[in-house]
Protein backbone atom coordinates (compact mmCIF):
# COMPACT_ATOMS: atom_id res chain seq x y z
CA HIS A 1 22.64 -21.16 45.70
CA TYR A 2 22.35 -18.37 47.83
CA LYS A 3 24.93 -17.95 50.50
CA ALA A 4 24.58 -15.37 53.02
CA THR A 5 26.99 -13.33 53.63
CA LYS A 6 29.32 -13.28 56.87
CA PHE A 7 29.89 -9.96 58.56
CA ASP A 8 33.58 -9.22 60.27
CA ARG A 9 31.30 -7.32 62.92
CA GLN A 10 28.11 -7.28 64.57
CA SER A 11 25.17 -5.96 62.61
CA SER A 12 24.76 -2.91 64.38
CA GLU A 13 28.24 -1.86 63.85
CA LYS A 14 28.41 -2.75 60.30
CA LEU A 15 27.89 0.57 58.42
CA MET A 16 25.30 -0.11 55.32
CA ALA A 17 24.74 3.17 53.94
CA ILE A 18 25.71 7.21 54.35
CA MET A 19 22.80 9.28 54.16
CA CYS A 20 22.59 13.22 53.55
CA THR A 21 21.16 15.56 56.43
CA SER A 22 21.86 18.83 57.57
CA ASP A 23 21.73 20.53 60.82
CA PRO A 24 19.97 23.45 61.95
CA ASN A 25 22.14 25.89 60.68
CA GLY A 26 22.53 24.59 56.92
CA LYS A 27 25.38 22.03 57.59
CA LEU A 28 25.51 19.34 55.79
CA LYS A 29 26.68 15.60 57.56
CA GLY A 30 26.58 12.10 56.64
CA VAL A 31 24.46 10.07 58.26
CA CYS A 32 26.10 6.36 59.43
CA ILE A 33 23.34 3.82 58.68
CA SER A 34 24.12 0.27 60.07
CA HIS A 35 22.81 -3.01 58.78
CA THR A 36 20.36 -2.99 62.38
CA ALA A 37 18.90 -0.29 61.84
CA ILE A 38 17.38 -1.02 58.67
CA LEU A 39 16.66 -4.52 59.80
CA THR A 40 14.89 -2.95 62.79
CA TYR A 41 12.86 -0.73 60.49
CA ALA A 42 11.80 -3.23 58.03
CA GLU A 43 10.56 -5.87 60.88
CA MET A 44 8.27 -2.96 61.97
CA LYS A 45 7.24 -1.56 58.79
CA CYS A 46 6.46 -4.60 56.30
CA ARG A 47 5.05 -7.42 58.80
CA SER A 48 1.81 -6.22 57.26
CA MET A 49 2.40 -5.46 53.70
CA LYS A 50 0.66 -7.65 50.85
CA GLU A 51 0.60 -6.94 47.18
CA PHE A 52 0.54 -3.09 46.48
CA ARG A 53 1.94 -1.02 43.66
CA SER A 54 3.66 1.67 44.57
CA LEU A 55 4.57 5.22 43.36
CA ASN A 56 7.58 7.56 44.40
CA PHE A 57 8.79 10.55 43.01
CA SER A 58 11.60 11.48 45.36
CA SER A 59 13.99 8.48 44.79
CA ILE A 60 17.06 10.58 47.11
CA HIS A 61 14.90 12.08 49.62
CA ALA A 62 15.61 10.12 52.67
CA CYS A 63 12.58 9.49 54.23
CA VAL A 64 10.31 8.81 51.01
CA GLY A 65 12.69 7.40 48.30
CA ILE A 66 15.80 6.00 50.04
CA ILE A 67 14.34 4.00 52.93
CA GLY A 68 11.66 2.64 50.31
CA ILE A 69 14.55 0.90 48.48
CA PHE A 70 16.10 -0.07 51.41
CA LEU A 71 12.84 -1.94 52.35
CA SER A 72 12.28 -3.17 48.83
CA PRO A 73 13.84 -6.85 49.31
CA PHE A 74 11.63 -7.14 52.48
CA ARG A 75 8.34 -6.36 50.44
CA PRO A 76 8.14 -9.09 48.02
CA GLY A 77 4.34 -8.52 47.38
CA GLU A 78 5.41 -4.43 46.27
CA THR A 79 5.63 -3.66 42.41
CA ARG A 80 7.62 -0.38 42.77
CA ILE A 81 6.53 2.48 40.03
CA SER A 82 9.53 4.62 39.32
CA THR A 83 10.54 7.41 36.85
CA ASN A 84 13.41 9.54 36.14
CA GLN A 85 11.11 12.39 35.19
CA THR A 86 10.97 15.62 37.28
CA PHE A 87 7.28 15.46 39.42
CA THR A 88 4.28 17.54 37.84
CA PRO A 89 0.77 16.70 38.91
CA LYS A 90 -0.02 16.07 35.57
CA LEU A 91 2.53 12.71 35.36
CA CYS A 92 1.90 11.91 39.08
CA ALA A 93 -1.93 11.56 37.39
CA GLU A 94 -0.95 9.42 34.53
CA LEU A 95 0.66 6.93 36.10
CA ILE A 96 -1.35 6.17 38.77
CA GLU A 97 -4.05 5.91 36.34
CA LYS A 98 -2.13 3.86 34.12
CA TYR A 99 -0.31 1.74 36.38
CA ARG A 100 -3.34 1.38 39.01
CA VAL A 101 -1.22 2.27 41.72
CA SER A 102 -2.35 1.87 45.56
CA VAL A 103 -0.08 3.39 47.46
CA VAL A 104 1.49 7.09 46.55
CA ALA A 105 4.50 7.87 48.70
CA MET A 106 5.57 12.16 48.65
CA PRO A 107 7.02 15.05 50.37
CA PRO A 108 4.32 17.44 51.09
CA ILE A 109 5.16 20.09 48.36
CA TYR A 110 4.53 17.58 45.90
CA LEU A 111 0.81 16.91 47.73
CA ASN A 112 -0.17 20.38 47.98
CA ALA A 113 0.95 20.98 43.89
CA LEU A 114 -1.30 17.90 43.37
CA ILE A 115 -4.15 18.83 45.75
CA ASN A 116 -4.03 22.65 43.96
CA SER A 117 -4.39 21.18 40.03
CA SER A 118 -7.15 19.93 38.26
CA TYR A 119 -6.08 16.41 37.96
CA PRO A 120 -7.69 15.19 41.21
CA GLN A 121 -11.12 15.84 39.62
CA SER A 122 -10.03 15.33 36.07
CA GLY A 123 -7.89 12.33 37.13
CA ASP A 124 -8.67 8.31 37.89
CA PHE A 125 -7.50 7.60 41.49
CA SER A 126 -9.67 5.05 42.12
CA SER A 127 -6.72 2.49 43.11
CA ILE A 128 -5.31 4.41 45.72
CA VAL A 129 -6.16 2.69 49.13
CA LEU A 130 -2.86 4.78 51.06
CA PHE A 131 -1.48 8.44 50.40
CA SER A 132 1.79 8.50 52.71
CA CYS A 133 3.44 11.75 53.46
CA THR A 134 6.64 12.61 54.99
CA GLY A 135 10.09 14.61 54.88
CA ALA A 136 8.33 18.03 56.07
CA VAL A 137 5.97 19.33 57.89
CA VAL A 138 2.18 18.66 57.11
CA THR A 139 0.61 21.75 57.51
CA GLU A 140 -3.17 22.13 58.95
CA ASN A 141 -4.23 24.10 56.00
CA LEU A 142 -2.60 21.12 53.81
CA ARG A 143 -4.22 18.46 55.63
CA ASP A 144 -7.50 20.28 55.53
CA LYS A 145 -7.37 20.37 51.46
CA PHE A 146 -6.47 16.87 51.71
CA LYS A 147 -9.63 15.94 53.56
CA LYS A 148 -11.74 18.23 50.95
CA THR A 149 -10.10 16.71 48.14
CA PHE A 150 -9.92 12.95 48.84
CA PRO A 151 -12.96 12.63 51.44
CA ASN A 152 -12.34 8.39 51.49
CA LYS A 153 -8.70 8.47 51.01
CA PRO A 154 -6.49 7.90 54.07
CA LEU A 155 -3.39 10.08 54.81
CA LEU A 156 -0.41 8.81 56.83
CA ILE A 157 2.12 11.55 58.11
CA SER A 158 5.00 10.00 59.63
CA TYR A 159 7.85 12.41 61.24
CA GLY A 160 11.13 11.51 62.13
CA THR A 161 15.11 12.45 61.81
CA THR A 162 17.43 10.89 59.24
CA GLU A 163 19.56 9.43 62.28
CA VAL A 164 16.41 7.13 63.69
CA PHE A 165 14.27 7.43 60.57
CA ILE A 166 10.44 7.58 62.01
CA ALA A 167 10.10 8.64 65.72
CA ALA A 168 6.17 8.99 65.10
CA MET A 169 3.41 8.51 63.00
CA PHE A 170 -0.36 9.80 62.44
CA PRO A 171 -2.62 7.65 60.69
CA GLY A 172 -4.37 10.91 60.08
CA GLU A 173 -8.31 10.07 61.32
CA ASP A 174 -9.22 13.84 62.13
CA ASN A 175 -7.15 17.31 61.47
CA ASN A 176 -7.20 18.77 65.07
CA GLY A 177 -4.25 20.52 65.11
CA LEU A 178 -0.38 19.60 64.15
CA LYS A 179 -0.52 16.09 65.62
CA VAL A 180 2.63 13.83 65.24
CA GLY A 181 0.62 10.84 65.94
CA ARG A 182 1.80 7.97 68.10
CA THR A 183 5.48 6.99 68.69
CA PHE A 184 6.81 4.18 66.64
CA THR A 185 7.51 0.79 67.69
CA ASN A 186 10.57 0.54 70.11
CA ILE A 187 10.69 4.60 70.26
CA GLN A 188 11.43 6.55 73.07
CA LEU A 189 10.72 10.14 72.93
CA LYS A 190 11.61 12.99 75.78
CA ILE A 191 10.17 16.73 76.51
CA VAL A 192 13.04 18.95 77.54
CA ASP A 193 14.07 22.26 78.57
CA GLU A 194 16.76 24.45 77.80
CA GLU A 195 18.22 23.23 81.03
CA GLY A 196 17.54 19.54 79.91
CA SER A 197 15.01 18.73 82.43
CA ALA A 198 11.81 16.71 81.62
CA LEU A 199 8.93 18.73 80.89
CA ASP A 200 5.00 17.72 81.35
CA LEU A 201 2.20 17.44 79.24
CA GLY A 202 1.19 20.52 77.70
CA GLU A 203 4.81 22.02 78.09
CA VAL A 204 6.89 23.30 75.38
CA GLY A 205 10.30 22.14 74.86
CA GLU A 206 13.11 20.32 72.56
CA ILE A 207 12.24 16.35 71.35
CA LEU A 208 14.57 14.04 72.10
CA VAL A 209 14.15 10.86 70.22
CA LYS A 210 15.92 7.49 71.07
CA PRO A 211 15.78 4.36 69.04
CA GLU A 212 16.39 0.94 70.03
CA PHE A 213 19.31 0.72 68.09
CA LYS A 214 22.82 2.48 68.43
CA PHE A 215 23.34 5.40 66.09
CA GLN A 216 26.66 4.98 64.19
CA GLY A 217 27.45 8.74 64.21
CA TYR A 218 28.24 11.24 61.50
CA TYR A 219 30.80 10.28 58.76
CA ASN A 220 34.17 11.86 59.53
CA SER A 221 32.50 14.23 61.90
CA PRO A 222 33.69 13.00 65.45
CA GLU A 223 32.54 16.42 67.05
CA SER A 224 29.40 16.55 65.56
CA THR A 225 28.71 12.83 66.91
């Protein structure tokens, strides 16, 4: 019989994983992820999940791959299609057709390569119910090309950081500007100027993001934390 693990500390203080990221200057940092962070995200992300088949090429990509692996136990209806082969538009189209994939998650660079190939016209994408794209900026040009290539398929765009996961989500109803969508559940956002003062609508500044769970800091880097 299964016995749940008893933590010696609160789940919000218990380290589950260390995920690599970098600052604007390219310096590598290890982000400490707690059990609470994953459980909070799982509760938000998996409530409406039913049976589906997912395909993901970026197994080590934080937003697209690792988070999907973390959430697998909370998705009893998911059949996850994985491969150790390098992404190509040809392989992507073949796997979608062979396994009747319904959800495809990929970073913008892969989505752009797929759209610019001939496979959206020659392959069978009828099983797809959702394209999910995250990990970098999804440009207006890419959104426009997606809409023309897959006019009847929704494109879900997610923005966030390794520290807080998804901060905002754009369901892709239109392509007017570089919208990032609505803030994710239990996420607080504030736009500030260089002095840290809050800005009003239409003003440009730095985005501050605060999740409901406590950030555990950067591994062996108290000064960065």
